[in-house]
């Protein structure tokens, strides 16, 4: 919840509308239910569905199947980064993170 709050504050201050999800399943439902999603930020380790599962389900089809996905995680193993990129992640940021870096990544992917 604390990280979601930090992400929301950073992106909101940069002018983005933010939709929060409490877990992987909630995230997938919100991504599929909103055609205006410009980018997704998620963790590898989430309740109910992992970040990799989220990527795979989003990329499997639907209105937002090509939405840019940025992983914001403590996971830094090269094999995991490669696996997520192969699944369709477009960015990887290690926690703790600098809000300006997150905003810059989202702006780059949505600009």
Protein backbone atom coordinates (compact mmCIF):
# COMPACT_ATOMS: atom_id res chain seq x y z
CA UNK A 1 0.00 0.00 0.00
CA UNK A 2 2.87 2.40 0.78
CA UNK A 3 4.53 1.83 -2.59
CA UNK A 4 1.19 2.26 -4.38
CA UNK A 5 0.77 5.58 -2.56
CA UNK A 6 4.26 6.73 -3.60
CA UNK A 7 3.62 5.72 -7.21
CA UNK A 8 0.21 7.43 -7.22
CA UNK A 9 1.63 10.65 -5.78
CA UNK A 10 4.56 10.79 -8.22
CA UNK A 11 2.44 10.10 -11.29
CA UNK A 12 -0.47 12.29 -10.19
CA UNK A 13 1.88 15.22 -9.62
CA UNK A 14 3.19 14.67 -13.15
CA UNK A 15 -0.36 14.95 -14.53
CA UNK A 16 -1.29 11.29 -14.92
CA UNK A 17 -4.62 9.85 -13.82
CA UNK A 18 -3.85 6.80 -11.67
CA UNK A 19 -5.95 3.68 -11.19
CA UNK A 20 -4.76 1.43 -8.36
CA UNK A 21 -5.13 -2.32 -8.01
CA UNK A 22 -4.71 -4.23 -4.76
CA UNK A 23 -3.33 -7.43 -6.31
CA UNK A 24 -2.60 -9.13 -9.63
CA UNK A 25 -6.16 -10.29 -10.28
CA UNK A 26 -7.54 -6.83 -9.51
CA UNK A 27 -4.92 -5.35 -11.84
CA UNK A 28 -5.85 -7.62 -14.73
CA UNK A 29 -9.55 -6.82 -14.26
CA UNK A 30 -8.86 -3.07 -14.25
CA UNK A 31 -6.57 -3.25 -17.27
CA UNK A 32 -9.17 -5.21 -19.25
CA UNK A 33 -12.00 -2.95 -18.09
CA UNK A 34 -10.51 0.43 -19.00
CA UNK A 35 -9.68 1.27 -22.61
CA UNK A 36 -7.88 4.45 -21.52
CA UNK A 37 -4.97 2.75 -19.71
CA UNK A 38 -1.74 4.36 -21.00
CA UNK A 39 0.75 2.29 -18.96
CA UNK A 40 0.88 -0.35 -16.24
CA UNK A 41 3.27 -0.40 -13.30
CA UNK A 42 3.41 -3.64 -11.35
CA UNK A 43 5.63 -5.74 -9.12
CA UNK A 44 6.88 -9.26 -9.77
CA UNK A 45 5.68 -10.30 -6.30
CA UNK A 46 1.98 -9.59 -5.86
CA UNK A 47 -0.85 -11.46 -4.17
CA UNK A 48 -3.14 -13.70 -6.27
CA UNK A 49 -1.23 -13.26 -9.55
CA UNK A 50 2.46 -12.56 -10.02
CA UNK A 51 3.71 -9.78 -12.23
CA UNK A 52 4.75 -12.34 -14.82
CA UNK A 53 1.26 -13.84 -14.82
CA UNK A 54 -0.21 -10.35 -15.20
CA UNK A 55 2.03 -9.62 -18.20
CA UNK A 56 1.20 -12.92 -19.84
CA UNK A 57 -2.55 -12.48 -19.37
CA UNK A 58 -2.54 -8.90 -20.61
CA UNK A 59 -0.41 -9.80 -23.65
CA UNK A 60 -2.72 -12.74 -24.46
CA UNK A 61 -5.29 -10.37 -25.94
CA UNK A 62 -7.88 -7.72 -25.34
CA UNK A 63 -8.16 -3.97 -25.73
CA UNK A 64 -4.97 -3.23 -23.79
CA UNK A 65 -2.81 -6.12 -24.95
CA UNK A 66 -0.08 -3.74 -26.16
CA UNK A 67 -0.08 -1.34 -23.19
CA UNK A 68 3.45 -0.61 -21.93
CA UNK A 69 4.20 -2.48 -18.68
CA UNK A 70 6.90 -1.33 -16.26
CA UNK A 71 8.06 -3.62 -13.49
CA UNK A 72 8.71 -1.84 -10.18
CA UNK A 73 10.26 -4.47 -7.93
CA UNK A 74 13.01 -5.48 -5.55
CA UNK A 75 13.79 -8.38 -7.89
CA UNK A 76 16.99 -7.72 -9.80
CA UNK A 77 18.20 -11.11 -10.97
CA UNK A 78 19.14 -10.91 -14.67
CA UNK A 79 17.24 -14.13 -15.44
CA UNK A 80 14.03 -12.66 -13.99
CA UNK A 81 14.51 -9.37 -15.86
CA UNK A 82 15.02 -11.30 -19.11
CA UNK A 83 11.97 -13.49 -18.45
CA UNK A 84 9.76 -10.45 -17.84
CA UNK A 85 11.06 -8.70 -20.96
CA UNK A 86 10.40 -11.82 -23.02
CA UNK A 87 6.85 -11.87 -21.61
CA UNK A 88 6.35 -8.26 -22.68
CA UNK A 89 7.61 -5.89 -19.96
CA UNK A 90 8.93 -2.64 -21.44
CA UNK A 91 10.78 -1.33 -18.38
CA UNK A 92 12.35 -2.44 -15.12
CA UNK A 93 12.87 -0.23 -12.04
CA UNK A 94 14.40 -1.53 -8.81
CA UNK A 95 12.94 -0.50 -5.43
CA UNK A 96 13.58 1.67 -3.59
CA UNK A 97 12.97 3.98 -6.51
CA UNK A 98 13.31 7.64 -7.30
CA UNK A 99 9.93 9.08 -8.24
CA UNK A 100 11.50 11.18 -11.00
CA UNK A 101 12.89 8.03 -12.62
CA UNK A 102 9.47 6.38 -12.59
CA UNK A 103 7.80 9.47 -14.06
CA UNK A 104 10.47 9.72 -16.77
CA UNK A 105 10.00 6.05 -17.70
CA UNK A 106 6.22 6.41 -17.94
CA UNK A 107 6.50 9.62 -19.93
CA UNK A 108 8.91 7.96 -22.35
CA UNK A 109 6.61 4.96 -22.85
CA UNK A 110 3.44 7.00 -23.22
CA UNK A 111 4.83 10.02 -25.07
